[in-house]
Amino acid sequence: MEEANPMSNKITEPNSGTGLVNVLKSAAAAAFGVQSQSNRENDFQHGKPVHFIIAGILMTLLFLGGVGLFVKLMISTST
């Protein structure tokens, strides 16, 4: 008698994991507050938290760097 392989009956969905581009898109959308519910659910189901934490830290550093450069530019042009 053959044993049934439980993995052979499993329906596989396309690779919908989060890649680098998708993580950055999700982090940017979340930063601007325009993340859709379906994308957020996909991130929670298929993404790794550490990837989103790193993306969030990078987005924060880019934002702070941009604000710093803007302030320096405004100060240098005001005198």
N, C-alpha and C. Protein backbone atom coordinates (compact mmCIF):
# COMPACT_ATOMS: atom_id res chain seq x y z
N MET A 1 0.84 -1.18 0.00
CA MET A 1 0.00 0.00 0.00
C MET A 1 0.89 1.24 0.00
N GLU A 2 0.63 2.17 -0.89
CA GLU A 2 1.42 3.39 -0.97
C GLU A 2 0.90 4.43 0.01
N GLU A 3 1.83 5.13 0.59
CA GLU A 3 1.44 6.22 1.47
C GLU A 3 1.23 7.48 0.65
N ALA A 4 0.20 8.20 0.98
CA ALA A 4 -0.09 9.45 0.27
C ALA A 4 0.84 10.54 0.78
N ASN A 5 1.41 11.26 -0.14
CA ASN A 5 2.27 12.37 0.23
C ASN A 5 1.40 13.61 0.43
N PRO A 6 1.31 14.13 1.67
CA PRO A 6 0.44 15.29 1.91
C PRO A 6 0.89 16.53 1.13
N MET A 7 2.15 16.59 0.77
CA MET A 7 2.64 17.76 0.04
C MET A 7 2.21 17.73 -1.43
N SER A 8 1.90 16.54 -1.95
CA SER A 8 1.52 16.45 -3.35
C SER A 8 0.13 17.01 -3.61
N ASN A 9 -0.72 17.03 -2.60
CA ASN A 9 -2.07 17.55 -2.75
C ASN A 9 -2.18 19.04 -2.43
N LYS A 10 -1.11 19.59 -1.98
CA LYS A 10 -1.11 21.00 -1.58
C LYS A 10 -1.19 21.89 -2.82
N ILE A 11 -2.12 22.81 -2.78
CA ILE A 11 -2.25 23.78 -3.87
C ILE A 11 -1.26 24.89 -3.60
N THR A 12 -0.39 25.10 -4.55
CA THR A 12 0.61 26.14 -4.36
C THR A 12 0.19 27.38 -5.10
N GLU A 13 0.38 28.49 -4.47
CA GLU A 13 0.08 29.76 -5.11
C GLU A 13 1.37 30.32 -5.69
N PRO A 14 1.26 31.23 -6.62
CA PRO A 14 2.48 31.81 -7.19
C PRO A 14 3.32 32.47 -6.10
N ASN A 15 4.59 32.57 -6.37
CA ASN A 15 5.50 33.17 -5.40
C ASN A 15 5.10 34.61 -5.15
N SER A 16 4.36 34.81 -4.07
CA SER A 16 3.89 36.15 -3.76
C SER A 16 4.62 36.71 -2.55
N GLY A 17 5.82 36.21 -2.30
CA GLY A 17 6.63 36.71 -1.21
C GLY A 17 7.05 38.14 -1.48
N THR A 18 7.57 38.74 -0.47
CA THR A 18 7.97 40.13 -0.62
C THR A 18 9.43 40.21 -0.98
N GLY A 19 9.72 40.82 -2.10
CA GLY A 19 11.09 41.06 -2.52
C GLY A 19 11.51 42.45 -2.08
N LEU A 20 12.72 42.81 -2.42
CA LEU A 20 13.26 44.11 -2.02
C LEU A 20 12.39 45.26 -2.53
N VAL A 21 12.00 45.19 -3.79
CA VAL A 21 11.20 46.27 -4.38
C VAL A 21 9.85 46.37 -3.69
N ASN A 22 9.21 45.23 -3.42
CA ASN A 22 7.90 45.24 -2.77
C ASN A 22 7.99 45.75 -1.34
N VAL A 23 9.06 45.41 -0.64
CA VAL A 23 9.24 45.90 0.73
C VAL A 23 9.41 47.41 0.71
N LEU A 24 10.22 47.93 -0.22
CA LEU A 24 10.42 49.37 -0.30
C LEU A 24 9.14 50.10 -0.70
N LYS A 25 8.37 49.51 -1.62
CA LYS A 25 7.08 50.10 -2.00
C LYS A 25 6.14 50.15 -0.82
N SER A 26 6.08 49.05 -0.08
CA SER A 26 5.19 48.99 1.08
C SER A 26 5.61 49.99 2.15
N ALA A 27 6.91 50.10 2.38
CA ALA A 27 7.39 51.05 3.39
C ALA A 27 7.09 52.49 2.97
N ALA A 28 7.28 52.80 1.69
CA ALA A 28 6.98 54.15 1.20
C ALA A 28 5.49 54.44 1.28
N ALA A 29 4.66 53.47 0.89
CA ALA A 29 3.22 53.66 0.95
C ALA A 29 2.76 53.84 2.39
N ALA A 30 3.33 53.08 3.30
CA ALA A 30 2.97 53.21 4.71
C ALA A 30 3.43 54.55 5.27
N ALA A 31 4.59 55.02 4.83
CA ALA A 31 5.09 56.31 5.31
C ALA A 31 4.17 57.46 4.89
N PHE A 32 3.61 57.36 3.69
CA PHE A 32 2.71 58.40 3.21
C PHE A 32 1.26 58.14 3.61
N GLY A 33 0.98 56.98 4.20
CA GLY A 33 -0.36 56.67 4.66
C GLY A 33 -1.30 56.23 3.57
N VAL A 34 -0.78 55.68 2.48
CA VAL A 34 -1.64 55.27 1.37
C VAL A 34 -1.55 53.77 1.11
N GLN A 35 -1.15 52.99 2.08
CA GLN A 35 -1.04 51.54 1.93
C GLN A 35 -2.44 50.93 1.85
N SER A 36 -2.69 50.11 0.84
CA SER A 36 -4.00 49.48 0.71
C SER A 36 -4.12 48.31 1.68
N GLN A 37 -5.35 47.99 2.02
CA GLN A 37 -5.61 46.89 2.95
C GLN A 37 -5.09 45.57 2.41
N SER A 38 -5.29 45.32 1.11
CA SER A 38 -4.84 44.04 0.54
C SER A 38 -3.31 43.94 0.53
N ASN A 39 -2.61 45.04 0.25
CA ASN A 39 -1.15 45.01 0.29
C ASN A 39 -0.64 44.81 1.72
N ARG A 40 -1.30 45.44 2.67
CA ARG A 40 -0.90 45.30 4.06
C ARG A 40 -1.08 43.85 4.52
N GLU A 41 -2.21 43.24 4.15
CA GLU A 41 -2.45 41.85 4.51
C GLU A 41 -1.42 40.93 3.85
N ASN A 42 -1.08 41.20 2.60
CA ASN A 42 -0.07 40.40 1.90
C ASN A 42 1.29 40.53 2.60
N ASP A 43 1.62 41.74 3.05
CA ASP A 43 2.88 41.94 3.76
C ASP A 43 2.92 41.14 5.05
N PHE A 44 1.81 41.12 5.79
CA PHE A 44 1.78 40.38 7.05
C PHE A 44 1.80 38.87 6.82
N GLN A 45 1.22 38.40 5.73
CA GLN A 45 1.18 36.97 5.48
C GLN A 45 2.48 36.43 4.89
N HIS A 46 3.13 37.20 4.03
CA HIS A 46 4.27 36.68 3.28
C HIS A 46 5.61 37.34 3.61
N GLY A 47 5.57 38.45 4.30
CA GLY A 47 6.81 39.18 4.56
C GLY A 47 7.46 38.80 5.88
N LYS A 48 8.73 39.13 5.97
CA LYS A 48 9.46 38.91 7.22
C LYS A 48 9.56 40.25 7.94
N PRO A 49 9.26 40.27 9.23
CA PRO A 49 9.27 41.53 9.96
C PRO A 49 10.60 42.28 9.89
N VAL A 50 11.70 41.56 9.92
CA VAL A 50 13.01 42.22 9.92
C VAL A 50 13.21 43.03 8.64
N HIS A 51 12.67 42.56 7.51
CA HIS A 51 12.80 43.31 6.26
C HIS A 51 12.08 44.65 6.34
N PHE A 52 10.90 44.64 6.94
CA PHE A 52 10.12 45.87 7.06
C PHE A 52 10.72 46.82 8.10
N ILE A 53 11.32 46.26 9.14
CA ILE A 53 11.98 47.10 10.14
C ILE A 53 13.17 47.81 9.52
N ILE A 54 13.98 47.07 8.75
CA ILE A 54 15.13 47.67 8.08
C ILE A 54 14.67 48.73 7.08
N ALA A 55 13.63 48.42 6.31
CA ALA A 55 13.11 49.39 5.34
C ALA A 55 12.59 50.64 6.04
N GLY A 56 11.94 50.46 7.17
CA GLY A 56 11.44 51.61 7.94
C GLY A 56 12.57 52.48 8.47
N ILE A 57 13.62 51.84 8.95
CA ILE A 57 14.78 52.60 9.44
C ILE A 57 15.43 53.37 8.29
N LEU A 58 15.59 52.71 7.14
CA LEU A 58 16.18 53.39 5.98
C LEU A 58 15.32 54.56 5.51
N MET A 59 14.01 54.37 5.47
CA MET A 59 13.12 55.45 5.06
C MET A 59 13.21 56.63 6.04
N THR A 60 13.31 56.33 7.32
CA THR A 60 13.44 57.38 8.33
C THR A 60 14.74 58.14 8.15
N LEU A 61 15.84 57.42 7.92
CA LEU A 61 17.13 58.07 7.72
C LEU A 61 17.13 58.93 6.45
N LEU A 62 16.52 58.42 5.38
CA LEU A 62 16.41 59.21 4.15
C LEU A 62 15.58 60.48 4.37
N PHE A 63 14.50 60.35 5.11
CA PHE A 63 13.65 61.51 5.41
C PHE A 63 14.42 62.55 6.22
N LEU A 64 15.10 62.10 7.27
CA LEU A 64 15.86 63.03 8.10
C LEU A 64 17.00 63.68 7.32
N GLY A 65 17.67 62.91 6.48
CA GLY A 65 18.73 63.46 5.63
C GLY A 65 18.17 64.50 4.66
N GLY A 66 17.01 64.22 4.08
CA GLY A 66 16.38 65.17 3.17
C GLY A 66 15.98 66.46 3.87
N VAL A 67 15.43 66.34 5.06
CA VAL A 67 15.07 67.54 5.84
C VAL A 67 16.33 68.33 6.19
N GLY A 68 17.39 67.63 6.60
CA GLY A 68 18.65 68.30 6.93
C GLY A 68 19.23 69.05 5.74
N LEU A 69 19.22 68.41 4.57
CA LEU A 69 19.73 69.08 3.37
C LEU A 69 18.86 70.27 2.99
N PHE A 70 17.56 70.15 3.13
CA PHE A 70 16.66 71.25 2.83
C PHE A 70 16.92 72.44 3.75
N VAL A 71 17.10 72.17 5.03
CA VAL A 71 17.39 73.24 5.99
C VAL A 71 18.72 73.89 5.67
N LYS A 72 19.75 73.12 5.38
CA LYS A 72 21.06 73.69 5.01
C LYS A 72 20.93 74.57 3.77
N LEU A 73 20.17 74.11 2.79
CA LEU A 73 19.98 74.88 1.56
C LEU A 73 19.26 76.19 1.86
N MET A 74 18.24 76.14 2.68
CA MET A 74 17.49 77.35 3.01
C MET A 74 18.34 78.33 3.81
N ILE A 75 19.17 77.83 4.71
CA ILE A 75 20.03 78.70 5.49
C ILE A 75 21.09 79.33 4.60
N SER A 76 21.68 78.55 3.70
CA SER A 76 22.74 79.09 2.86
C SER A 76 22.21 80.10 1.83
N THR A 77 20.99 79.97 1.41
CA THR A 77 20.44 80.93 0.42
C THR A 77 19.81 82.15 1.08
N SER A 78 19.61 82.12 2.39
CA SER A 78 18.96 83.25 3.05
C SER A 78 19.95 84.36 3.40
N THR A 79 21.22 84.10 3.35
CA THR A 79 22.19 85.15 3.72
C THR A 79 22.83 85.80 2.54
